Amino acid sequence: MQNIVNRLNNLRRPSLLTRAAQQGALSYSRKHHLQRVLGYGNLPKTAEALPRLLDMEEQLEEQRAADYAGYSAVRHLDVLIATVAEAQIFRTLRPVSPT
């Protein structure tokens, strides 16, 4: 779990992409969006989906940064929207540890 939290906290992307993902997350539907991004079938739990989304997003970010010809900004945004929304769900469901 801590690995997911660290990866989320260290995620840095261009502000336009970040703002677009945050706006898209407002109308996020797990059933429709997550299935489109991860593939159809049984929906994984948020804690299972997040590492997959983060891996996918990392690959897309590498393509973007390298100006890869096959890079899809639309796909990257779809994955980021799902990542932002699932992270919000994860943070809501995650028990708060006593300090």
PDB file of N, CA and C in Angstrom:
ATOM      1  N   MET A   1       0.812  -1.202   0.000  1.00  0.00           N
ATOM      2  CA  MET A   1       0.000   0.000   0.000  1.00  0.00           C
ATOM      3  C   MET A   1       0.855   1.266   0.000  1.00  0.00           C
ATOM      4  N   GLN A   2       1.925   1.233   0.794  1.00  0.00           N
ATOM      5  CA  GLN A   2       2.766   2.422   0.884  1.00  0.00           C
ATOM      6  C   GLN A   2       3.384   2.763  -0.472  1.00  0.00           C
ATOM      7  N   ASN A   3       3.712   1.724  -1.252  1.00  0.00           N
ATOM      8  CA  ASN A   3       4.272   1.957  -2.567  1.00  0.00           C
ATOM      9  C   ASN A   3       3.303   2.752  -3.440  1.00  0.00           C
ATOM     10  N   ILE A   4       2.029   2.426  -3.372  1.00  0.00           N
ATOM     11  CA  ILE A   4       1.015   3.151  -4.132  1.00  0.00           C
ATOM     12  C   ILE A   4       0.966   4.610  -3.688  1.00  0.00           C
ATOM     13  N   VAL A   5       0.970   4.836  -2.397  1.00  0.00           N
ATOM     14  CA  VAL A   5       0.923   6.202  -1.856  1.00  0.00           C
ATOM     15  C   VAL A   5       2.142   6.995  -2.314  1.00  0.00           C
ATOM     16  N   ASN A   6       3.321   6.395  -2.244  1.00  0.00           N
ATOM     17  CA  ASN A   6       4.545   7.078  -2.694  1.00  0.00           C
ATOM     18  C   ASN A   6       4.478   7.407  -4.180  1.00  0.00           C
ATOM     19  N   ARG A   7       4.027   6.452  -4.975  1.00  0.00           N
ATOM     20  CA  ARG A   7       3.938   6.680  -6.414  1.00  0.00           C
ATOM     21  C   ARG A   7       2.949   7.799  -6.729  1.00  0.00           C
ATOM     22  N   LEU A   8       1.833   7.829  -6.021  1.00  0.00           N
ATOM     23  CA  LEU A   8       0.853   8.889  -6.243  1.00  0.00           C
ATOM     24  C   LEU A   8       1.405  10.249  -5.831  1.00  0.00           C
ATOM     25  N   ASN A   9       2.083  10.288  -4.702  1.00  0.00           N
ATOM     26  CA  ASN A   9       2.646  11.549  -4.208  1.00  0.00           C
ATOM     27  C   ASN A   9       3.755  12.081  -5.099  1.00  0.00           C
ATOM     28  N   ASN A  10       4.462  11.196  -5.797  1.00  0.00           N
ATOM     29  CA  ASN A  10       5.584  11.601  -6.638  1.00  0.00           C
ATOM     30  C   ASN A  10       5.194  11.836  -8.092  1.00  0.00           C
ATOM     31  N   LEU A  11       3.935  11.671  -8.410  1.00  0.00           N
ATOM     32  CA  LEU A  11       3.469  11.841  -9.775  1.00  0.00           C
ATOM     33  C   LEU A  11       3.480  13.322 -10.152  1.00  0.00           C
ATOM     34  N   ARG A  12       4.287  13.672 -11.142  1.00  0.00           N
ATOM     35  CA  ARG A  12       4.383  15.059 -11.614  1.00  0.00           C
ATOM     36  C   ARG A  12       4.207  15.068 -13.124  1.00  0.00           C
ATOM     37  N   ARG A  13       3.199  15.797 -13.578  1.00  0.00           N
ATOM     38  CA  ARG A  13       2.900  15.882 -15.003  1.00  0.00           C
ATOM     39  C   ARG A  13       2.643  17.330 -15.373  1.00  0.00           C
ATOM     40  N   PRO A  14       2.687  17.646 -16.687  1.00  0.00           N
ATOM     41  CA  PRO A  14       2.409  19.023 -17.113  1.00  0.00           C
ATOM     42  C   PRO A  14       1.047  19.491 -16.588  1.00  0.00           C
ATOM     43  N   SER A  15       0.973  20.762 -16.245  1.00  0.00           N
ATOM     44  CA  SER A  15      -0.228  21.289 -15.598  1.00  0.00           C
ATOM     45  C   SER A  15      -1.476  21.164 -16.466  1.00  0.00           C
ATOM     46  N   LEU A  16      -1.356  21.313 -17.770  1.00  0.00           N
ATOM     47  CA  LEU A  16      -2.524  21.188 -18.638  1.00  0.00           C
ATOM     48  C   LEU A  16      -3.080  19.766 -18.575  1.00  0.00           C
ATOM     49  N   LEU A  17      -2.216  18.774 -18.609  1.00  0.00           N
ATOM     50  CA  LEU A  17      -2.632  17.376 -18.522  1.00  0.00           C
ATOM     51  C   LEU A  17      -3.235  17.079 -17.155  1.00  0.00           C
ATOM     52  N   THR A  18      -2.638  17.611 -16.109  1.00  0.00           N
ATOM     53  CA  THR A  18      -3.123  17.399 -14.750  1.00  0.00           C
ATOM     54  C   THR A  18      -4.502  18.018 -14.546  1.00  0.00           C
ATOM     55  N   ARG A  19      -4.658  19.249 -14.996  1.00  0.00           N
ATOM     56  CA  ARG A  19      -5.958  19.927 -14.840  1.00  0.00           C
ATOM     57  C   ARG A  19      -7.049  19.226 -15.640  1.00  0.00           C
ATOM     58  N   ALA A  20      -6.722  18.787 -16.840  1.00  0.00           N
ATOM     59  CA  ALA A  20      -7.699  18.070 -17.660  1.00  0.00           C
ATOM     60  C   ALA A  20      -8.110  16.761 -16.980  1.00  0.00           C
ATOM     61  N   ALA A  21      -7.143  16.058 -16.397  1.00  0.00           N
ATOM     62  CA  ALA A  21      -7.444  14.797 -15.694  1.00  0.00           C
ATOM     63  C   ALA A  21      -8.314  15.052 -14.465  1.00  0.00           C
ATOM     64  N   GLN A  22      -8.036  16.125 -13.742  1.00  0.00           N
ATOM     65  CA  GLN A  22      -8.842  16.448 -12.563  1.00  0.00           C
ATOM     66  C   GLN A  22     -10.277  16.786 -12.953  1.00  0.00           C
ATOM     67  N   GLN A  23     -10.446  17.498 -14.052  1.00  0.00           N
ATOM     68  CA  GLN A  23     -11.792  17.825 -14.522  1.00  0.00           C
ATOM     69  C   GLN A  23     -12.517  16.570 -15.002  1.00  0.00           C
ATOM     70  N   GLY A  24     -11.807  15.714 -15.705  1.00  0.00           N
ATOM     71  CA  GLY A  24     -12.403  14.472 -16.185  1.00  0.00           C
ATOM     72  C   GLY A  24     -12.799  13.551 -15.048  1.00  0.00           C
ATOM     73  N   ALA A  25     -12.031  13.576 -13.963  1.00  0.00           N
ATOM     74  CA  ALA A  25     -12.320  12.714 -12.813  1.00  0.00           C
ATOM     75  C   ALA A  25     -13.635  13.086 -12.144  1.00  0.00           C
ATOM     76  N   LEU A  26     -14.109  14.309 -12.356  1.00  0.00           N
ATOM     77  CA  LEU A  26     -15.371  14.739 -11.757  1.00  0.00           C
ATOM     78  C   LEU A  26     -16.559  13.951 -12.303  1.00  0.00           C
ATOM     79  N   SER A  27     -16.457  13.489 -13.539  1.00  0.00           N
ATOM     80  CA  SER A  27     -17.561  12.724 -14.137  1.00  0.00           C
ATOM     81  C   SER A  27     -17.173  11.260 -14.350  1.00  0.00           C
ATOM     82  N   TYR A  28     -16.222  10.783 -13.565  1.00  0.00           N
ATOM     83  CA  TYR A  28     -15.698   9.417 -13.679  1.00  0.00           C
ATOM     84  C   TYR A  28     -16.730   8.387 -13.261  1.00  0.00           C
ATOM     85  N   SER A  29     -16.834   7.345 -14.053  1.00  0.00           N
ATOM     86  CA  SER A  29     -17.677   6.195 -13.749  1.00  0.00           C
ATOM     87  C   SER A  29     -16.790   4.960 -13.846  1.00  0.00           C
ATOM     88  N   ARG A  30     -16.589   4.287 -12.719  1.00  0.00           N
ATOM     89  CA  ARG A  30     -15.713   3.101 -12.710  1.00  0.00           C
ATOM     90  C   ARG A  30     -16.122   2.111 -13.784  1.00  0.00           C
ATOM     91  N   LYS A  31     -17.415   1.834 -13.852  1.00  0.00           N
ATOM     92  CA  LYS A  31     -17.902   0.806 -14.771  1.00  0.00           C
ATOM     93  C   LYS A  31     -17.525   1.122 -16.218  1.00  0.00           C
ATOM     94  N   HIS A  32     -17.680   2.350 -16.613  1.00  0.00           N
ATOM     95  CA  HIS A  32     -17.413   2.710 -17.998  1.00  0.00           C
ATOM     96  C   HIS A  32     -15.955   3.070 -18.247  1.00  0.00           C
ATOM     97  N   HIS A  33     -15.409   3.937 -17.457  1.00  0.00           N
ATOM     98  CA  HIS A  33     -14.051   4.412 -17.696  1.00  0.00           C
ATOM     99  C   HIS A  33     -12.983   3.365 -17.388  1.00  0.00           C
ATOM    100  N   LEU A  34     -13.099   2.724 -16.249  1.00  0.00           N
ATOM    101  CA  LEU A  34     -12.067   1.768 -15.859  1.00  0.00           C
ATOM    102  C   LEU A  34     -12.054   0.573 -16.802  1.00  0.00           C
ATOM    103  N   GLN A  35     -13.219   0.125 -17.221  1.00  0.00           N
ATOM    104  CA  GLN A  35     -13.258  -0.981 -18.170  1.00  0.00           C
ATOM    105  C   GLN A  35     -12.649  -0.586 -19.508  1.00  0.00           C
ATOM    106  N   ARG A  36     -12.889   0.631 -19.943  1.00  0.00           N
ATOM    107  CA  ARG A  36     -12.312   1.086 -21.208  1.00  0.00           C
ATOM    108  C   ARG A  36     -10.785   1.135 -21.123  1.00  0.00           C
ATOM    109  N   VAL A  37     -10.274   1.539 -19.983  1.00  0.00           N
ATOM    110  CA  VAL A  37      -8.829   1.674 -19.834  1.00  0.00           C
ATOM    111  C   VAL A  37      -8.146   0.334 -19.592  1.00  0.00           C
ATOM    112  N   LEU A  38      -8.704  -0.470 -18.693  1.00  0.00           N
ATOM    113  CA  LEU A  38      -8.060  -1.735 -18.315  1.00  0.00           C
ATOM    114  C   LEU A  38      -8.538  -2.924 -19.138  1.00  0.00           C
ATOM    115  N   GLY A  39      -9.636  -2.788 -19.811  1.00  0.00           N
ATOM    116  CA  GLY A  39     -10.196  -3.905 -20.560  1.00  0.00           C
ATOM    117  C   GLY A  39     -11.455  -4.397 -19.874  1.00  0.00           C
ATOM    118  N   TYR A  40     -12.305  -4.963 -20.649  1.00  0.00           N
ATOM    119  CA  TYR A  40     -13.594  -5.400 -20.122  1.00  0.00           C
ATOM    120  C   TYR A  40     -13.442  -6.691 -19.337  1.00  0.00           C
ATOM    121  N   GLY A  41     -14.345  -6.906 -18.431  1.00  0.00           N
ATOM    122  CA  GLY A  41     -14.320  -8.053 -17.541  1.00  0.00           C
ATOM    123  C   GLY A  41     -14.650  -7.582 -16.143  1.00  0.00           C
ATOM    124  N   ASN A  42     -14.291  -8.377 -15.172  1.00  0.00           N
ATOM    125  CA  ASN A  42     -14.545  -8.003 -13.783  1.00  0.00           C
ATOM    126  C   ASN A  42     -13.694  -6.808 -13.401  1.00  0.00           C
ATOM    127  N   LEU A  43     -14.305  -5.855 -12.728  1.00  0.00           N
ATOM    128  CA  LEU A  43     -13.567  -4.676 -12.277  1.00  0.00           C
ATOM    129  C   LEU A  43     -12.699  -5.037 -11.075  1.00  0.00           C
ATOM    130  N   PRO A  44     -11.428  -4.687 -11.125  1.00  0.00           N
ATOM    131  CA  PRO A  44     -10.572  -4.945  -9.965  1.00  0.00           C
ATOM    132  C   PRO A  44     -10.874  -3.943  -8.859  1.00  0.00           C
ATOM    133  N   LYS A  45     -10.496  -4.305  -7.644  1.00  0.00           N
ATOM    134  CA  LYS A  45     -10.607  -3.361  -6.539  1.00  0.00           C
ATOM    135  C   LYS A  45      -9.652  -2.205  -6.800  1.00  0.00           C
ATOM    136  N   THR A  46      -9.923  -1.085  -6.165  1.00  0.00           N
ATOM    137  CA  THR A  46      -9.111   0.108  -6.373  1.00  0.00           C
ATOM    138  C   THR A  46      -7.636  -0.150  -6.075  1.00  0.00           C
ATOM    139  N   ALA A  47      -7.347  -0.856  -4.991  1.00  0.00           N
ATOM    140  CA  ALA A  47      -5.954  -1.138  -4.623  1.00  0.00           C
ATOM    141  C   ALA A  47      -5.259  -2.025  -5.649  1.00  0.00           C
ATOM    142  N   GLU A  48      -6.023  -2.776  -6.413  1.00  0.00           N
ATOM    143  CA  GLU A  48      -5.451  -3.604  -7.482  1.00  0.00           C
ATOM    144  C   GLU A  48      -5.352  -2.818  -8.787  1.00  0.00           C
ATOM    145  N   ALA A  49      -6.291  -1.928  -9.024  1.00  0.00           N
ATOM    146  CA  ALA A  49      -6.318  -1.162 -10.263  1.00  0.00           C
ATOM    147  C   ALA A  49      -5.243  -0.081 -10.297  1.00  0.00           C
ATOM    148  N   LEU A  50      -5.001   0.563  -9.169  1.00  0.00           N
ATOM    149  CA  LEU A  50      -4.059   1.681  -9.139  1.00  0.00           C
ATOM    150  C   LEU A  50      -2.651   1.326  -9.618  1.00  0.00           C
ATOM    151  N   PRO A  51      -2.030   0.244  -9.159  1.00  0.00           N
ATOM    152  CA  PRO A  51      -0.690  -0.067  -9.669  1.00  0.00           C
ATOM    153  C   PRO A  51      -0.681  -0.300 -11.179  1.00  0.00           C
ATOM    154  N   ARG A  52      -1.721  -0.931 -11.692  1.00  0.00           N
ATOM    155  CA  ARG A  52      -1.807  -1.147 -13.139  1.00  0.00           C
ATOM    156  C   ARG A  52      -1.935   0.179 -13.877  1.00  0.00           C
ATOM    157  N   LEU A  53      -2.788   1.050 -13.356  1.00  0.00           N
ATOM    158  CA  LEU A  53      -2.960   2.369 -13.973  1.00  0.00           C
ATOM    159  C   LEU A  53      -1.670   3.176 -13.923  1.00  0.00           C
ATOM    160  N   LEU A  54      -0.993   3.134 -12.795  1.00  0.00           N
ATOM    161  CA  LEU A  54       0.261   3.874 -12.657  1.00  0.00           C
ATOM    162  C   LEU A  54       1.321   3.350 -13.612  1.00  0.00           C
ATOM    163  N   ASP A  55       1.386   2.034 -13.810  1.00  0.00           N
ATOM    164  CA  ASP A  55       2.334   1.456 -14.772  1.00  0.00           C
ATOM    165  C   ASP A  55       2.000   1.897 -16.195  1.00  0.00           C
ATOM    166  N   MET A  56       0.721   1.861 -16.537  1.00  0.00           N
ATOM    167  CA  MET A  56       0.292   2.293 -17.866  1.00  0.00           C
ATOM    168  C   MET A  56       0.611   3.769 -18.086  1.00  0.00           C
ATOM    169  N   GLU A  57       0.323   4.573 -17.089  1.00  0.00           N
ATOM    170  CA  GLU A  57       0.558   6.009 -17.196  1.00  0.00           C
ATOM    171  C   GLU A  57       2.050   6.302 -17.332  1.00  0.00           C
ATOM    172  N   GLU A  58       2.865   5.575 -16.604  1.00  0.00           N
ATOM    173  CA  GLU A  58       4.317   5.775 -16.670  1.00  0.00           C
ATOM    174  C   GLU A  58       4.834   5.499 -18.082  1.00  0.00           C
ATOM    175  N   GLN A  59       4.333   4.441 -18.711  1.00  0.00           N
ATOM    176  CA  GLN A  59       4.733   4.130 -20.081  1.00  0.00           C
ATOM    177  C   GLN A  59       4.297   5.229 -21.048  1.00  0.00           C
ATOM    178  N   LEU A  60       3.077   5.713 -20.871  1.00  0.00           N
ATOM    179  CA  LEU A  60       2.587   6.790 -21.725  1.00  0.00           C
ATOM    180  C   LEU A  60       3.388   8.076 -21.522  1.00  0.00           C
ATOM    181  N   GLU A  61       3.770   8.359 -20.279  1.00  0.00           N
ATOM    182  CA  GLU A  61       4.581   9.545 -19.998  1.00  0.00           C
ATOM    183  C   GLU A  61       5.944   9.430 -20.659  1.00  0.00           C
ATOM    184  N   GLU A  62       6.524   8.237 -20.650  1.00  0.00           N
ATOM    185  CA  GLU A  62       7.813   8.033 -21.320  1.00  0.00           C
ATOM    186  C   GLU A  62       7.679   8.270 -22.824  1.00  0.00           C
ATOM    187  N   GLN A  63       6.574   7.801 -23.399  1.00  0.00           N
ATOM    188  CA  GLN A  63       6.325   8.030 -24.824  1.00  0.00           C
ATOM    189  C   GLN A  63       6.167   9.517 -25.119  1.00  0.00           C
ATOM    190  N   ARG A  64       5.421  10.204 -24.254  1.00  0.00           N
ATOM    191  CA  ARG A  64       5.205  11.648 -24.440  1.00  0.00           C
ATOM    192  C   ARG A  64       6.521  12.404 -24.382  1.00  0.00           C
ATOM    193  N   ALA A  65       7.317  12.093 -23.375  1.00  0.00           N
ATOM    194  CA  ALA A  65       8.588  12.796 -23.184  1.00  0.00           C
ATOM    195  C   ALA A  65       9.574  12.514 -24.312  1.00  0.00           C
ATOM    196  N   ALA A  66       9.475  11.342 -24.925  1.00  0.00           N
ATOM    197  CA  ALA A  66      10.391  10.961 -25.998  1.00  0.00           C
ATOM    198  C   ALA A  66       9.858  11.340 -27.382  1.00  0.00           C
ATOM    199  N   ASP A  67       8.711  12.023 -27.423  1.00  0.00           N
ATOM    200  CA  ASP A  67       8.077  12.382 -28.697  1.00  0.00           C
ATOM    201  C   ASP A  67       7.861  11.167 -29.598  1.00  0.00           C
ATOM    202  N   TYR A  68       7.451  10.074 -28.986  1.00  0.00           N
ATOM    203  CA  TYR A  68       7.187   8.830 -29.708  1.00  0.00           C
ATOM    204  C   TYR A  68       6.029   9.043 -30.681  1.00  0.00           C
ATOM    205  N   ALA A  69       6.192   8.587 -31.912  1.00  0.00           N
ATOM    206  CA  ALA A  69       5.185   8.815 -32.951  1.00  0.00           C
ATOM    207  C   ALA A  69       3.843   8.161 -32.627  1.00  0.00           C
ATOM    208  N   GLY A  70       3.860   7.061 -31.901  1.00  0.00           N
ATOM    209  CA  GLY A  70       2.621   6.356 -31.581  1.00  0.00           C
ATOM    210  C   GLY A  70       1.939   6.834 -30.311  1.00  0.00           C
ATOM    211  N   TYR A  71       2.480   7.882 -29.698  1.00  0.00           N
ATOM    212  CA  TYR A  71       1.903   8.418 -28.456  1.00  0.00           C
ATOM    213  C   TYR A  71       0.503   8.961 -28.705  1.00  0.00           C
ATOM    214  N   SER A  72      -0.420   8.620 -27.808  1.00  0.00           N
ATOM    215  CA  SER A  72      -1.787   9.121 -27.906  1.00  0.00           C
ATOM    216  C   SER A  72      -2.098   9.967 -26.673  1.00  0.00           C
ATOM    217  N   ALA A  73      -2.273  11.263 -26.892  1.00  0.00           N
ATOM    218  CA  ALA A  73      -2.621  12.155 -25.787  1.00  0.00           C
ATOM    219  C   ALA A  73      -3.993  11.798 -25.219  1.00  0.00           C
ATOM    220  N   VAL A  74      -4.897  11.353 -26.077  1.00  0.00           N
ATOM    221  CA  VAL A  74      -6.242  10.968 -25.631  1.00  0.00           C
ATOM    222  C   VAL A  74      -6.149   9.762 -24.706  1.00  0.00           C
ATOM    223  N   ARG A  75      -5.369   8.775 -25.086  1.00  0.00           N
ATOM    224  CA  ARG A  75      -5.188   7.577 -24.253  1.00  0.00           C
ATOM    225  C   ARG A  75      -4.532   7.967 -22.930  1.00  0.00           C
ATOM    226  N   HIS A  76      -3.514   8.834 -22.997  1.00  0.00           N
ATOM    227  CA  HIS A  76      -2.823   9.277 -21.789  1.00  0.00           C
ATOM    228  C   HIS A  76      -3.802   9.970 -20.855  1.00  0.00           C
ATOM    229  N   LEU A  77      -4.643  10.821 -21.401  1.00  0.00           N
ATOM    230  CA  LEU A  77      -5.619  11.526 -20.581  1.00  0.00           C
ATOM    231  C   LEU A  77      -6.636  10.555 -19.983  1.00  0.00           C
ATOM    232  N   ASP A  78      -7.096   9.575 -20.766  1.00  0.00           N
ATOM    233  CA  ASP A  78      -8.016   8.564 -20.235  1.00  0.00           C
ATOM    234  C   ASP A  78      -7.408   7.832 -19.040  1.00  0.00           C
ATOM    235  N   VAL A  79      -6.150   7.441 -19.172  1.00  0.00           N
ATOM    236  CA  VAL A  79      -5.466   6.717 -18.090  1.00  0.00           C
ATOM    237  C   VAL A  79      -5.279   7.635 -16.884  1.00  0.00           C
ATOM    238  N   LEU A  80      -4.924   8.887 -17.120  1.00  0.00           N
ATOM    239  CA  LEU A  80      -4.751   9.831 -16.011  1.00  0.00           C
ATOM    240  C   LEU A  80      -6.072  10.117 -15.297  1.00  0.00           C
ATOM    241  N   ILE A  81      -7.146  10.239 -16.045  1.00  0.00           N
ATOM    242  CA  ILE A  81      -8.463  10.449 -15.420  1.00  0.00           C
ATOM    243  C   ILE A  81      -8.787   9.282 -14.499  1.00  0.00           C
ATOM    244  N   ALA A  82      -8.602   8.069 -14.995  1.00  0.00           N
ATOM    245  CA  ALA A  82      -8.867   6.880 -14.175  1.00  0.00           C
ATOM    246  C   ALA A  82      -7.943   6.846 -12.966  1.00  0.00           C
ATOM    247  N   THR A  83      -6.692   7.226 -13.147  1.00  0.00           N
ATOM    248  CA  THR A  83      -5.725   7.228 -12.046  1.00  0.00           C
ATOM    249  C   THR A  83      -6.123   8.233 -10.967  1.00  0.00           C
ATOM    250  N   VAL A  84      -6.468   9.437 -11.384  1.00  0.00           N
ATOM    251  CA  VAL A  84      -6.874  10.481 -10.429  1.00  0.00           C
ATOM    252  C   VAL A  84      -8.127  10.051  -9.675  1.00  0.00           C
ATOM    253  N   ALA A  85      -9.116   9.543 -10.387  1.00  0.00           N
ATOM    254  CA  ALA A  85     -10.373   9.141  -9.744  1.00  0.00           C
ATOM    255  C   ALA A  85     -10.165   7.949  -8.813  1.00  0.00           C
ATOM    256  N   GLU A  86      -9.407   6.963  -9.253  1.00  0.00           N
ATOM    257  CA  GLU A  86      -9.148   5.798  -8.402  1.00  0.00           C
ATOM    258  C   GLU A  86      -8.309   6.196  -7.184  1.00  0.00           C
ATOM    259  N   ALA A  87      -7.406   7.142  -7.345  1.00  0.00           N
ATOM    260  CA  ALA A  87      -6.619   7.627  -6.208  1.00  0.00           C
ATOM    261  C   ALA A  87      -7.513   8.308  -5.182  1.00  0.00           C
ATOM    262  N   GLN A  88      -8.514   9.052  -5.662  1.00  0.00           N
ATOM    263  CA  GLN A  88      -9.454   9.687  -4.746  1.00  0.00           C
ATOM    264  C   GLN A  88     -10.250   8.635  -3.985  1.00  0.00           C
ATOM    265  N   ILE A  89     -10.686   7.604  -4.683  1.00  0.00           N
ATOM    266  CA  ILE A  89     -11.412   6.509  -4.031  1.00  0.00           C
ATOM    267  C   ILE A  89     -10.508   5.815  -3.021  1.00  0.00           C
ATOM    268  N   PHE A  90      -9.268   5.544  -3.424  1.00  0.00           N
ATOM    269  CA  PHE A  90      -8.300   4.868  -2.565  1.00  0.00           C
ATOM    270  C   PHE A  90      -8.064   5.660  -1.279  1.00  0.00           C
ATOM    271  N   ARG A  91      -7.883   6.962  -1.420  1.00  0.00           N
ATOM    272  CA  ARG A  91      -7.628   7.801  -0.245  1.00  0.00           C
ATOM    273  C   ARG A  91      -8.848   7.874   0.667  1.00  0.00           C
ATOM    274  N   THR A  92     -10.030   7.809   0.078  1.00  0.00           N
ATOM    275  CA  THR A  92     -11.262   7.819   0.870  1.00  0.00           C
ATOM    276  C   THR A  92     -11.433   6.526   1.650  1.00  0.00           C
ATOM    277  N   LEU A  93     -11.107   5.407   1.022  1.00  0.00           N
ATOM    278  CA  LEU A  93     -11.312   4.100   1.639  1.00  0.00           C
ATOM    279  C   LEU A  93     -10.170   3.676   2.550  1.00  0.00           C
ATOM    280  N   ARG A  94      -9.004   4.286   2.378  1.00  0.00           N
ATOM    281  CA  ARG A  94      -7.833   3.900   3.154  1.00  0.00           C
ATOM    282  C   ARG A  94      -8.004   4.317   4.608  1.00  0.00           C
ATOM    283  N   PRO A  95      -7.808   3.377   5.531  1.00  0.00           N
ATOM    284  CA  PRO A  95      -7.926   3.732   6.946  1.00  0.00           C
ATOM    285  C   PRO A  95      -6.840   4.726   7.348  1.00  0.00           C
ATOM    286  N   VAL A  96      -7.215   5.652   8.166  1.00  0.00           N
ATOM    287  CA  VAL A  96      -6.273   6.648   8.661  1.00  0.00           C
ATOM    288  C   VAL A  96      -5.543   6.038   9.854  1.00  0.00           C
ATOM    289  N   SER A  97      -4.209   6.033   9.763  1.00  0.00           N
ATOM    290  CA  SER A  97      -3.434   5.463  10.864  1.00  0.00           C
ATOM    291  C   SER A  97      -3.269   6.499  11.973  1.00  0.00           C
ATOM    292  N   PRO A  98      -3.333   6.061  13.214  1.00  0.00           N
ATOM    293  CA  PRO A  98      -3.191   7.007  14.329  1.00  0.00           C
ATOM    294  C   PRO A  98      -1.769   7.574  14.374  1.00  0.00           C
ATOM    295  N   THR A  99      -1.663   8.829  14.718  1.00  0.00           N
ATOM    296  CA  THR A  99      -0.333   9.458  14.784  1.00  0.00           C
ATOM    297  C   THR A  99       0.042   9.767  16.214  1.00  0.00           C
TER     298      THR A  99
END
